[in-house]
Amino acid sequence: MEYKVFFDETCHLEFDGINIMGGGAIFCEKEKFTEATRYIKYLKYKYNAFHELKWTKVSPSGIEFYKALIDYFFESDFLRFRAITSDKTVFDHKTYNDGSHDNFYYKLMYLAFEPMQEVNNNYYVYTDYKDSNGAEQLRILEQYLVSKKHHNIILNFQMIRSHEAVLLQLADFLIGAIVYKKREDIEHRSEIKNKIYDHIEQKHGRSLLLNTSREESKFNIFHHQAGYGR
């Protein structure tokens, strides 16, 4: 099988006053990528949602679009999602990440990809542009992930801008909802964000604040604890 994978992160800055950071990866069967892109663009047209989809910019007027988008994801057997969150208040970068928060950022990406990858498959991974050093870090991560699968996969990373891919925007939207509810520095008073979160949780069939099994293939969630992996 060949997959296109779209990874985005949220609240990843070390000293932004937000206790939770997260990353999410959408896995789409490559042969279905055009179909998925076209349908999401159709939903944007149908519901007059022509702006770039971002969790931080959701608005009450878009609720029917957001629900239709969530329904489409859960009803499409060729789309999968893996979410990672981590509590920044308990990080010990000196012990686990060579003293670098940036190193943990790429560890978060590793945790998002590794459990979902299967040998003999090809993965073309698109990440939101981070900084000028990102290409080299992604090359190192790419080599490490391939070695973990004993070189029985093909993996290619590429940085893009979020406006270039609606599936990258969908990754931002889904991980944004999960991190929103995990945050302890806010009171969760946004009616529209609460409605979106509740609809995702309803479709998922259980609390998004709970880990799924590592083997969960459709909507996989791992709330990471510093110093541990899964």
Protein backbone atom coordinates (compact mmCIF):
# COMPACT_ATOMS: atom_id res chain seq x y z
CA MET A 1 0.00 0.00 0.00
CA GLU A 2 0.98 3.62 -0.54
CA TYR A 3 -0.11 6.40 1.80
CA LYS A 4 0.00 10.16 1.87
CA VAL A 5 0.43 11.37 5.45
CA PHE A 6 -0.20 14.91 6.70
CA PHE A 7 1.21 15.94 10.08
CA ASP A 8 0.54 19.14 11.99
CA GLU A 9 1.28 20.26 15.52
CA THR A 10 -0.28 22.68 17.97
CA CYS A 11 0.92 24.60 21.02
CA HIS A 12 4.44 23.31 20.44
CA LEU A 13 6.38 26.36 21.68
CA GLU A 14 8.22 25.67 24.93
CA PHE A 15 7.39 28.84 26.86
CA ASP A 16 3.98 29.89 25.53
CA GLY A 17 2.16 29.41 28.85
CA ILE A 18 0.12 26.49 27.48
CA ASN A 19 0.51 23.22 29.39
CA ILE A 20 -0.26 20.78 26.54
CA MET A 21 1.31 20.34 23.11
CA GLY A 22 0.12 17.94 20.46
CA GLY A 23 0.69 16.50 17.03
CA GLY A 24 -1.67 14.75 14.66
CA ALA A 25 -1.20 12.73 11.47
CA ILE A 26 -3.82 12.01 8.82
CA PHE A 27 -3.08 8.84 6.83
CA CYS A 28 -4.79 8.67 3.43
CA GLU A 29 -4.50 5.83 0.93
CA LYS A 30 -2.63 7.40 -1.98
CA GLU A 31 -5.09 6.24 -4.61
CA LYS A 32 -7.90 7.95 -2.67
CA PHE A 33 -6.06 11.22 -2.07
CA THR A 34 -7.60 13.11 -5.02
CA GLU A 35 -11.08 11.88 -4.10
CA ALA A 36 -10.67 12.99 -0.47
CA THR A 37 -9.28 16.38 -1.45
CA ARG A 38 -12.07 17.02 -3.93
CA TYR A 39 -14.80 16.01 -1.47
CA ILE A 40 -13.49 18.24 1.31
CA LYS A 41 -13.29 21.12 -1.16
CA TYR A 42 -16.89 20.30 -2.17
CA LEU A 43 -17.94 20.52 1.49
CA LYS A 44 -16.19 23.88 1.79
CA TYR A 45 -18.12 25.08 -1.28
CA LYS A 46 -21.43 23.62 -0.07
CA TYR A 47 -21.20 25.32 3.31
CA ASN A 48 -19.50 28.53 2.11
CA ALA A 49 -16.41 27.71 4.17
CA PHE A 50 -13.82 29.13 1.80
CA HIS A 51 -11.29 30.15 4.45
CA GLU A 52 -8.38 27.92 5.44
CA LEU A 53 -9.53 25.37 8.01
CA LYS A 54 -7.73 26.02 11.30
CA TRP A 55 -8.75 25.05 14.82
CA THR A 56 -7.83 28.49 16.15
CA LYS A 57 -10.20 30.15 13.67
CA VAL A 58 -13.36 28.03 13.97
CA SER A 59 -16.55 30.11 14.07
CA PRO A 60 -20.18 29.40 15.05
CA SER A 61 -21.34 29.99 11.47
CA GLY A 62 -19.36 26.97 10.31
CA ILE A 63 -20.85 24.33 12.62
CA GLU A 64 -22.67 22.41 9.86
CA PHE A 65 -19.49 22.32 7.77
CA TYR A 66 -17.45 21.08 10.73
CA LYS A 67 -19.97 18.31 11.47
CA ALA A 68 -20.09 17.24 7.81
CA LEU A 69 -16.29 17.16 7.70
CA ILE A 70 -16.08 15.03 10.86
CA ASP A 71 -18.75 12.68 9.51
CA TYR A 72 -16.85 12.31 6.24
CA PHE A 73 -13.63 11.41 8.04
CA PHE A 74 -15.26 8.73 10.19
CA GLU A 75 -17.26 7.28 7.28
CA SER A 76 -14.22 7.02 4.95
CA ASP A 77 -12.37 3.74 5.43
CA PHE A 78 -9.31 5.08 3.57
CA LEU A 79 -8.64 7.85 6.12
CA ARG A 80 -6.97 7.29 9.50
CA PHE A 81 -5.74 9.57 12.28
CA ARG A 82 -3.08 9.30 14.98
CA ALA A 83 -2.98 11.91 17.77
CA ILE A 84 -0.23 12.54 20.32
CA THR A 85 -0.39 14.94 23.27
CA SER A 86 2.20 15.67 25.93
CA ASP A 87 2.24 17.75 29.12
CA LYS A 88 4.93 20.42 28.78
CA THR A 89 4.91 21.21 32.50
CA VAL A 90 6.66 17.94 33.37
CA PHE A 91 9.24 17.80 30.57
CA ASP A 92 12.76 16.78 31.55
CA HIS A 93 14.63 17.64 28.36
CA LYS A 94 18.01 17.32 30.04
CA THR A 95 17.40 13.65 30.84
CA TYR A 96 15.45 12.52 27.79
CA ASN A 97 16.00 14.96 24.91
CA ASP A 98 19.65 16.05 25.09
CA GLY A 99 18.54 19.30 26.71
CA SER A 100 16.51 20.40 23.68
CA HIS A 101 12.79 21.08 23.39
CA ASP A 102 13.27 21.04 19.63
CA ASN A 103 14.48 17.44 19.86
CA PHE A 104 11.25 16.52 21.62
CA TYR A 105 9.25 18.11 18.82
CA TYR A 106 10.69 15.53 16.42
CA LYS A 107 10.24 12.79 18.99
CA LEU A 108 6.56 13.73 18.98
CA MET A 109 6.53 13.25 15.21
CA TYR A 110 8.18 9.86 15.65
CA LEU A 111 5.50 8.82 18.14
CA ALA A 112 2.83 9.91 15.65
CA PHE A 113 4.19 7.88 12.75
CA GLU A 114 5.90 4.75 14.05
CA PRO A 115 2.90 2.78 15.40
CA MET A 116 0.87 3.39 12.22
CA GLN A 117 3.52 2.24 9.77
CA GLU A 118 3.55 -1.28 8.38
CA VAL A 119 6.37 -3.04 6.59
CA ASN A 120 6.32 -3.17 2.79
CA ASN A 121 4.29 0.04 2.57
CA ASN A 122 5.29 3.41 1.12
CA TYR A 123 4.63 6.65 3.01
CA TYR A 124 4.85 10.17 1.61
CA VAL A 125 4.74 12.49 4.60
CA TYR A 126 3.87 16.19 4.40
CA THR A 127 4.52 18.43 7.40
CA ASP A 128 3.73 22.07 7.97
CA TYR A 129 6.75 24.29 7.46
CA LYS A 130 8.45 24.89 10.82
CA ASP A 131 11.85 26.55 10.34
CA SER A 132 14.97 26.51 8.17
CA ASN A 133 16.49 23.62 10.14
CA GLY A 134 13.46 21.40 9.62
CA ALA A 135 14.65 19.66 6.45
CA GLU A 136 17.76 18.21 8.09
CA GLN A 137 15.84 17.12 11.19
CA LEU A 138 13.23 15.43 9.01
CA ARG A 139 15.95 13.62 7.07
CA ILE A 140 17.34 12.19 10.34
CA LEU A 141 13.84 11.21 11.49
CA GLU A 142 13.13 9.61 8.12
CA GLN A 143 16.28 7.47 8.33
CA TYR A 144 15.52 6.41 11.89
CA LEU A 145 11.94 5.39 11.12
CA VAL A 146 13.07 3.35 8.12
CA SER A 147 15.72 1.59 10.23
CA LYS A 148 13.07 0.71 12.84
CA LYS A 149 11.16 -1.18 10.15
CA HIS A 150 14.38 -2.90 9.01
CA HIS A 151 14.32 -0.92 5.75
CA ASN A 152 11.13 -2.66 4.65
CA ILE A 153 9.29 0.61 3.99
CA ILE A 154 9.79 3.61 1.74
CA LEU A 155 9.44 6.90 3.58
CA ASN A 156 9.75 10.42 2.24
CA PHE A 157 9.28 13.69 4.18
CA GLN A 158 8.43 17.04 2.63
CA MET A 159 7.60 20.41 4.19
CA ILE A 160 4.64 22.34 2.75
CA ARG A 161 2.46 25.29 3.73
CA SER A 162 -0.87 24.44 5.33
CA HIS A 163 -2.94 26.31 2.72
CA GLU A 164 -1.59 23.88 0.10
CA ALA A 165 -3.38 20.77 1.44
CA VAL A 166 -6.84 20.40 2.96
CA LEU A 167 -5.79 17.14 4.66
CA LEU A 168 -3.04 19.01 6.49
CA GLN A 169 -5.73 21.45 7.61
CA LEU A 170 -7.87 18.51 8.77
CA ALA A 171 -4.95 17.25 10.88
CA ASP A 172 -4.71 20.72 12.48
CA PHE A 173 -8.46 20.70 13.15
CA LEU A 174 -8.56 17.27 14.83
CA ILE A 175 -5.45 17.63 16.98
CA GLY A 176 -6.56 21.13 17.91
CA ALA A 177 -9.82 19.77 19.33
CA ILE A 178 -8.07 17.14 21.44
CA VAL A 179 -5.44 19.51 22.83
CA TYR A 180 -8.15 22.10 23.56
CA LYS A 181 -9.87 19.71 25.97
CA LYS A 182 -6.58 18.59 27.53
CA ARG A 183 -5.51 22.13 28.38
CA GLU A 184 -5.74 23.13 32.04
CA ASP A 185 -4.91 26.81 31.53
CA ILE A 186 -8.33 27.68 30.04
CA GLU A 187 -11.95 27.25 31.15
CA HIS A 188 -13.30 25.73 27.90
CA ARG A 189 -16.05 28.30 27.50
CA SER A 190 -16.07 28.32 23.69
CA GLU A 191 -19.49 27.03 22.68
CA ILE A 192 -18.44 26.27 19.09
CA LYS A 193 -15.27 24.43 20.13
CA ASN A 194 -17.20 22.40 22.68
CA LYS A 195 -19.78 21.44 20.04
CA ILE A 196 -17.06 20.34 17.62
CA TYR A 197 -15.28 18.34 20.31
CA ASP A 198 -18.54 16.66 21.37
CA HIS A 199 -19.30 15.67 17.78
CA ILE A 200 -15.85 14.13 17.29
CA GLU A 201 -16.23 12.26 20.57
CA GLN A 202 -19.69 11.02 19.55
CA LYS A 203 -18.36 9.65 16.26
CA HIS A 204 -15.31 8.14 17.98
CA GLY A 205 -17.57 6.44 20.52
CA ARG A 206 -15.51 7.18 23.63
CA SER A 207 -13.75 9.98 25.48
CA LEU A 208 -10.94 11.62 23.54
CA LEU A 209 -9.15 12.12 26.86
CA LEU A 210 -8.50 8.37 27.01
CA ASN A 211 -5.74 6.49 25.22
CA THR A 212 -6.77 4.00 22.57
CA SER A 213 -4.92 0.74 22.10
CA ARG A 214 -1.70 0.96 20.12
CA GLU A 215 -3.38 -1.21 17.46
CA GLU A 216 -6.38 1.10 16.94
CA SER A 217 -6.34 1.91 13.23
CA LYS A 218 -9.07 4.51 12.64
CA PHE A 219 -8.70 7.12 15.39
CA ASN A 220 -5.62 6.38 17.44
CA ILE A 221 -4.85 8.53 20.51
CA PHE A 222 -1.83 8.48 22.80
CA HIS A 223 -1.56 10.91 25.70
CA HIS A 224 2.18 10.71 26.19
CA GLN A 225 3.83 10.96 29.61
CA ALA A 226 7.31 12.47 29.66
CA GLY A 227 9.94 9.76 29.79
CA TYR A 228 7.66 7.07 28.38
CA GLY A 229 6.75 5.91 24.88
CA ARG A 230 4.18 3.66 23.24
